[in-house]
Every structure is written in structure tokens, then in C-alpha cells.
């Protein structure tokens, strides 16, 4: 997910995407415990996506103030 795409979305949309990514990360961690995941890089990419979304939300909030 690119930051340009994120800046075009509203805070509500970003929060929905954020909740989905957090759910995916939880499932990833759960599956890692059972050795089901083959793609190890998925965890780091999910964490980075979450950070990008949180950064976009904070930038939007700061622009409003």
C-alpha cells in the first residue's frame, strides 16, 4: 500500500483498513506458531503497512489543527 493512496482516503476508511491489517497480522502470528506460513516476509510487510496507515492518520489529524 502506497502513502499516496492512503492520503486520499478519509480517517474512517483508514481505520477500517487498519483493523483489517491488524487482524491479518494476528492471524499471521497465530499461523507462525503452527508452522503454517511459508512467506516469512509477510509479517514485516504487514507491520510496515500498519505503520504507514497510522502515519497517514496522524498527518491528516495534524493538518486539520
Foldseek 3Di string as FASTA:
>chain_A
DDLVVLLVDDLVVLVVVLVVLVVVLVVVVVVVVVPNDPDPCSNVVSVVVNVSSVVSNVVVVVVVD
